[in-house]
Structures are given as C-alpha cells and as structure tokens.
Amino acid sequence: MSDRGTQRACARLTAGALEVFAADLLSAIYKRATGALELFAADLLLAIYKRPMTS
C-alpha cells in the first residue's frame, strides 16, 4: 500500500469512528431524555394518586 493509500485508510477509519461516537452520543442523550420523561410521568401520577380528596 502506498503512503496515499495509508492516508486514505486512516481518514476513513477516523470518519467511521466519529460516526459511531456521534451515534452513541445521540443515543445516550435520547435515553437520558426519555428516562427523565418517564420519571416525571411516574412522579406526577404518584402525586395525583396521593393527593387528598376534598369534598
């Protein structure tokens, strides 16, 4: 393999690693956001359920 081929291979490898990193980052952000929403919904339902009834 020539030096040019090695440079191209390294560039592709780096680009692929960045794509994987970006996908993992987005996945982590999405999981954290959905987890926070689930927790908020559960807390809201618990608060409504525990609320004393006034009549």
PDB file of N, CA and C in Angstrom:
ATOM      1  N   MET A   1       0.853  -1.170   0.000  1.00  0.00           N
ATOM      2  CA  MET A   1       0.000   0.000   0.000  1.00  0.00           C
ATOM      3  C   MET A   1       0.900   1.235   0.000  1.00  0.00           C
ATOM      4  N   SER A   2       0.542   2.189  -0.801  1.00  0.00           N
ATOM      5  CA  SER A   2       1.336   3.416  -0.863  1.00  0.00           C
ATOM      6  C   SER A   2       1.000   4.313   0.321  1.00  0.00           C
ATOM      7  N   ASP A   3       1.799   5.362   0.482  1.00  0.00           N
ATOM      8  CA  ASP A   3       1.519   6.313   1.561  1.00  0.00           C
ATOM      9  C   ASP A   3       0.144   6.950   1.382  1.00  0.00           C
ATOM     10  N   ARG A   4      -0.208   7.201   0.136  1.00  0.00           N
ATOM     11  CA  ARG A   4      -1.517   7.816  -0.153  1.00  0.00           C
ATOM     12  C   ARG A   4      -2.652   6.888   0.276  1.00  0.00           C
ATOM     13  N   GLY A   5      -2.477   5.607   0.004  1.00  0.00           N
ATOM     14  CA  GLY A   5      -3.490   4.621   0.403  1.00  0.00           C
ATOM     15  C   GLY A   5      -3.606   4.530   1.909  1.00  0.00           C
ATOM     16  N   THR A   6      -2.486   4.610   2.593  1.00  0.00           N
ATOM     17  CA  THR A   6      -2.485   4.574   4.057  1.00  0.00           C
ATOM     18  C   THR A   6      -3.210   5.790   4.615  1.00  0.00           C
ATOM     19  N   GLN A   7      -2.959   6.952   4.021  1.00  0.00           N
ATOM     20  CA  GLN A   7      -3.634   8.175   4.469  1.00  0.00           C
ATOM     21  C   GLN A   7      -5.145   8.065   4.272  1.00  0.00           C
ATOM     22  N   ARG A   8      -5.552   7.511   3.132  1.00  0.00           N
ATOM     23  CA  ARG A   8      -6.987   7.355   2.864  1.00  0.00           C
ATOM     24  C   ARG A   8      -7.616   6.380   3.856  1.00  0.00           C
ATOM     25  N   ALA A   9      -6.908   5.294   4.135  1.00  0.00           N
ATOM     26  CA  ALA A   9      -7.423   4.304   5.087  1.00  0.00           C
ATOM     27  C   ALA A   9      -7.575   4.925   6.473  1.00  0.00           C
ATOM     28  N   CYS A  10      -6.600   5.706   6.888  1.00  0.00           N
ATOM     29  CA  CYS A  10      -6.673   6.370   8.200  1.00  0.00           C
ATOM     30  C   CYS A  10      -7.819   7.375   8.237  1.00  0.00           C
ATOM     31  N   ALA A  11      -8.002   8.096   7.149  1.00  0.00           N
ATOM     32  CA  ALA A  11      -9.090   9.078   7.089  1.00  0.00           C
ATOM     33  C   ALA A  11     -10.439   8.382   7.187  1.00  0.00           C
ATOM     34  N   ARG A  12     -10.597   7.247   6.494  1.00  0.00           N
ATOM     35  CA  ARG A  12     -11.860   6.502   6.559  1.00  0.00           C
ATOM     36  C   ARG A  12     -12.092   5.945   7.956  1.00  0.00           C
ATOM     37  N   LEU A  13     -11.043   5.425   8.559  1.00  0.00           N
ATOM     38  CA  LEU A  13     -11.156   4.868   9.904  1.00  0.00           C
ATOM     39  C   LEU A  13     -11.570   5.953  10.900  1.00  0.00           C
ATOM     40  N   THR A  14     -10.945   7.106  10.792  1.00  0.00           N
ATOM     41  CA  THR A  14     -11.277   8.226  11.677  1.00  0.00           C
ATOM     42  C   THR A  14     -12.717   8.675  11.462  1.00  0.00           C
ATOM     43  N   ALA A  15     -13.134   8.802  10.212  1.00  0.00           N
ATOM     44  CA  ALA A  15     -14.502   9.224   9.913  1.00  0.00           C
ATOM     45  C   ALA A  15     -15.501   8.212  10.459  1.00  0.00           C
ATOM     46  N   GLY A  16     -15.196   6.940  10.323  1.00  0.00           N
ATOM     47  CA  GLY A  16     -16.080   5.899  10.852  1.00  0.00           C
ATOM     48  C   GLY A  16     -16.175   5.959  12.360  1.00  0.00           C
ATOM     49  N   ALA A  17     -15.053   6.193  13.018  1.00  0.00           N
ATOM     50  CA  ALA A  17     -15.051   6.291  14.479  1.00  0.00           C
ATOM     51  C   ALA A  17     -15.869   7.494  14.937  1.00  0.00           C
ATOM     52  N   LEU A  18     -15.775   8.600  14.212  1.00  0.00           N
ATOM     53  CA  LEU A  18     -16.557   9.786  14.568  1.00  0.00           C
ATOM     54  C   LEU A  18     -18.046   9.535  14.385  1.00  0.00           C
ATOM     55  N   GLU A  19     -18.417   8.794  13.332  1.00  0.00           N
ATOM     56  CA  GLU A  19     -19.826   8.473  13.117  1.00  0.00           C
ATOM     57  C   GLU A  19     -20.362   7.630  14.264  1.00  0.00           C
ATOM     58  N   VAL A  20     -19.596   6.641  14.683  1.00  0.00           N
ATOM     59  CA  VAL A  20     -20.015   5.781  15.790  1.00  0.00           C
ATOM     60  C   VAL A  20     -20.129   6.596  17.069  1.00  0.00           C
ATOM     61  N   PHE A  21     -19.160   7.470  17.326  1.00  0.00           N
ATOM     62  CA  PHE A  21     -19.194   8.319  18.521  1.00  0.00           C
ATOM     63  C   PHE A  21     -20.424   9.216  18.507  1.00  0.00           C
ATOM     64  N   ALA A  22     -20.713   9.826  17.365  1.00  0.00           N
ATOM     65  CA  ALA A  22     -21.873  10.717  17.260  1.00  0.00           C
ATOM     66  C   ALA A  22     -23.163   9.938  17.485  1.00  0.00           C
ATOM     67  N   ALA A  23     -23.263   8.739  16.922  1.00  0.00           N
ATOM     68  CA  ALA A  23     -24.462   7.921  17.102  1.00  0.00           C
ATOM     69  C   ALA A  23     -24.619   7.518  18.565  1.00  0.00           C
ATOM     70  N   ASP A  24     -23.522   7.132  19.217  1.00  0.00           N
ATOM     71  CA  ASP A  24     -23.585   6.756  20.632  1.00  0.00           C
ATOM     72  C   ASP A  24     -23.980   7.949  21.496  1.00  0.00           C
ATOM     73  N   LEU A  25     -23.471   9.120  21.163  1.00  0.00           N
ATOM     74  CA  LEU A  25     -23.801  10.326  21.916  1.00  0.00           C
ATOM     75  C   LEU A  25     -25.286  10.644  21.792  1.00  0.00           C
ATOM     76  N   LEU A  26     -25.814  10.578  20.565  1.00  0.00           N
ATOM     77  CA  LEU A  26     -27.236  10.845  20.366  1.00  0.00           C
ATOM     78  C   LEU A  26     -28.089   9.812  21.088  1.00  0.00           C
ATOM     79  N   SER A  27     -27.655   8.571  21.060  1.00  0.00           N
ATOM     80  CA  SER A  27     -28.383   7.510  21.757  1.00  0.00           C
ATOM     81  C   SER A  27     -28.407   7.771  23.257  1.00  0.00           C
ATOM     82  N   ALA A  28     -27.280   8.182  23.806  1.00  0.00           N
ATOM     83  CA  ALA A  28     -27.202   8.467  25.240  1.00  0.00           C
ATOM     84  C   ALA A  28     -28.097   9.647  25.609  1.00  0.00           C
ATOM     85  N   ILE A  29     -28.098  10.683  24.787  1.00  0.00           N
ATOM     86  CA  ILE A  29     -28.949  11.850  25.042  1.00  0.00           C
ATOM     87  C   ILE A  29     -30.419  11.446  24.980  1.00  0.00           C
ATOM     88  N   TYR A  30     -30.773  10.655  23.975  1.00  0.00           N
ATOM     89  CA  TYR A  30     -32.162  10.220  23.820  1.00  0.00           C
ATOM     90  C   TYR A  30     -32.605   9.372  25.011  1.00  0.00           C
ATOM     91  N   LYS A  31     -31.744   8.433  25.424  1.00  0.00           N
ATOM     92  CA  LYS A  31     -32.090   7.571  26.558  1.00  0.00           C
ATOM     93  C   LYS A  31     -32.251   8.392  27.829  1.00  0.00           C
ATOM     94  N   ARG A  32     -31.385   9.358  28.025  1.00  0.00           N
ATOM     95  CA  ARG A  32     -31.472  10.199  29.227  1.00  0.00           C
ATOM     96  C   ARG A  32     -32.755  11.031  29.198  1.00  0.00           C
ATOM     97  N   ALA A  33     -33.088  11.585  28.037  1.00  0.00           N
ATOM     98  CA  ALA A  33     -34.300  12.404  27.922  1.00  0.00           C
ATOM     99  C   ALA A  33     -35.549  11.563  28.136  1.00  0.00           C
ATOM    100  N   THR A  34     -35.620  10.391  27.525  1.00  0.00           N
ATOM    101  CA  THR A  34     -36.808   9.557  27.703  1.00  0.00           C
ATOM    102  C   THR A  34     -36.894   9.042  29.127  1.00  0.00           C
ATOM    103  N   GLY A  35     -35.765   8.747  29.731  1.00  0.00           N
ATOM    104  CA  GLY A  35     -35.767   8.314  31.130  1.00  0.00           C
ATOM    105  C   GLY A  35     -36.281   9.408  32.045  1.00  0.00           C
ATOM    106  N   ALA A  36     -35.883  10.638  31.782  1.00  0.00           N
ATOM    107  CA  ALA A  36     -36.346  11.767  32.588  1.00  0.00           C
ATOM    108  C   ALA A  36     -37.847  11.968  32.414  1.00  0.00           C
ATOM    109  N   LEU A  37     -38.342  11.793  31.193  1.00  0.00           N
ATOM    110  CA  LEU A  37     -39.779  11.934  30.963  1.00  0.00           C
ATOM    111  C   LEU A  37     -40.561  10.837  31.668  1.00  0.00           C
ATOM    112  N   GLU A  38     -40.042   9.603  31.631  1.00  0.00           N
ATOM    113  CA  GLU A  38     -40.709   8.503  32.322  1.00  0.00           C
ATOM    114  C   GLU A  38     -40.761   8.772  33.822  1.00  0.00           C
ATOM    115  N   LEU A  39     -39.659   9.246  34.366  1.00  0.00           N
ATOM    116  CA  LEU A  39     -39.598   9.545  35.794  1.00  0.00           C
ATOM    117  C   LEU A  39     -40.571  10.664  36.154  1.00  0.00           C
ATOM    118  N   PHE A  40     -40.630  11.698  35.329  1.00  0.00           N
ATOM    119  CA  PHE A  40     -41.549  12.809  35.567  1.00  0.00           C
ATOM    120  C   PHE A  40     -42.993  12.324  35.530  1.00  0.00           C
ATOM    121  N   ALA A  41     -43.340  11.497  34.535  1.00  0.00           N
ATOM    122  CA  ALA A  41     -44.706  10.989  34.421  1.00  0.00           C
ATOM    123  C   ALA A  41     -45.058  10.126  35.630  1.00  0.00           C
ATOM    124  N   ALA A  42     -44.138   9.286  36.075  1.00  0.00           N
ATOM    125  CA  ALA A  42     -44.385   8.432  37.233  1.00  0.00           C
ATOM    126  C   ALA A  42     -44.565   9.278  38.491  1.00  0.00           C
ATOM    127  N   ASP A  43     -43.729  10.290  38.677  1.00  0.00           N
ATOM    128  CA  ASP A  43     -43.851  11.169  39.843  1.00  0.00           C
ATOM    129  C   ASP A  43     -45.172  11.939  39.814  1.00  0.00           C
ATOM    130  N   LEU A  44     -45.578  12.371  38.644  1.00  0.00           N
ATOM    131  CA  LEU A  44     -46.827  13.111  38.513  1.00  0.00           C
ATOM    132  C   LEU A  44     -48.006  12.223  38.878  1.00  0.00           C
ATOM    133  N   LEU A  45     -48.028  10.991  38.372  1.00  0.00           N
ATOM    134  CA  LEU A  45     -49.110  10.066  38.702  1.00  0.00           C
ATOM    135  C   LEU A  45     -49.125   9.749  40.188  1.00  0.00           C
ATOM    136  N   LEU A  46     -47.963   9.581  40.785  1.00  0.00           N
ATOM    137  CA  LEU A  46     -47.876   9.305  42.216  1.00  0.00           C
ATOM    138  C   LEU A  46     -48.407  10.494  43.020  1.00  0.00           C
ATOM    139  N   ALA A  47     -48.059  11.696  42.608  1.00  0.00           N
ATOM    140  CA  ALA A  47     -48.529  12.896  43.303  1.00  0.00           C
ATOM    141  C   ALA A  47     -50.044  13.027  43.188  1.00  0.00           C
ATOM    142  N   ILE A  48     -50.592  12.722  42.027  1.00  0.00           N
ATOM    143  CA  ILE A  48     -52.043  12.794  41.840  1.00  0.00           C
ATOM    144  C   ILE A  48     -52.729  11.736  42.698  1.00  0.00           C
ATOM    145  N   TYR A  49     -52.158  10.543  42.728  1.00  0.00           N
ATOM    146  CA  TYR A  49     -52.747   9.442  43.491  1.00  0.00           C
ATOM    147  C   TYR A  49     -52.728   9.736  44.989  1.00  0.00           C
ATOM    148  N   LYS A  50     -51.654  10.355  45.474  1.00  0.00           N
ATOM    149  CA  LYS A  50     -51.511  10.633  46.904  1.00  0.00           C
ATOM    150  C   LYS A  50     -52.279  11.875  47.349  1.00  0.00           C
ATOM    151  N   ARG A  51     -52.723  12.677  46.419  1.00  0.00           N
ATOM    152  CA  ARG A  51     -53.388  13.940  46.754  1.00  0.00           C
ATOM    153  C   ARG A  51     -54.663  13.659  47.555  1.00  0.00           C
ATOM    154  N   PRO A  52     -54.846  14.345  48.662  1.00  0.00           N
ATOM    155  CA  PRO A  52     -56.052  14.113  49.469  1.00  0.00           C
ATOM    156  C   PRO A  52     -57.299  14.615  48.747  1.00  0.00           C
ATOM    157  N   MET A  53     -58.348  13.857  48.868  1.00  0.00           N
ATOM    158  CA  MET A  53     -59.616  14.234  48.232  1.00  0.00           C
ATOM    159  C   MET A  53     -60.327  15.216  49.160  1.00  0.00           C
ATOM    160  N   THR A  54     -60.798  16.300  48.626  1.00  0.00           N
ATOM    161  CA  THR A  54     -61.555  17.267  49.419  1.00  0.00           C
ATOM    162  C   THR A  54     -62.968  17.323  48.877  1.00  0.00           C
ATOM    163  N   SER A  55     -63.912  17.218  49.763  1.00  0.00           N
ATOM    164  CA  SER A  55     -65.301  17.327  49.307  1.00  0.00           C
ATOM    165  C   SER A  55     -66.153  18.068  50.294  1.00  0.00           C
TER     166      SER A  55
END
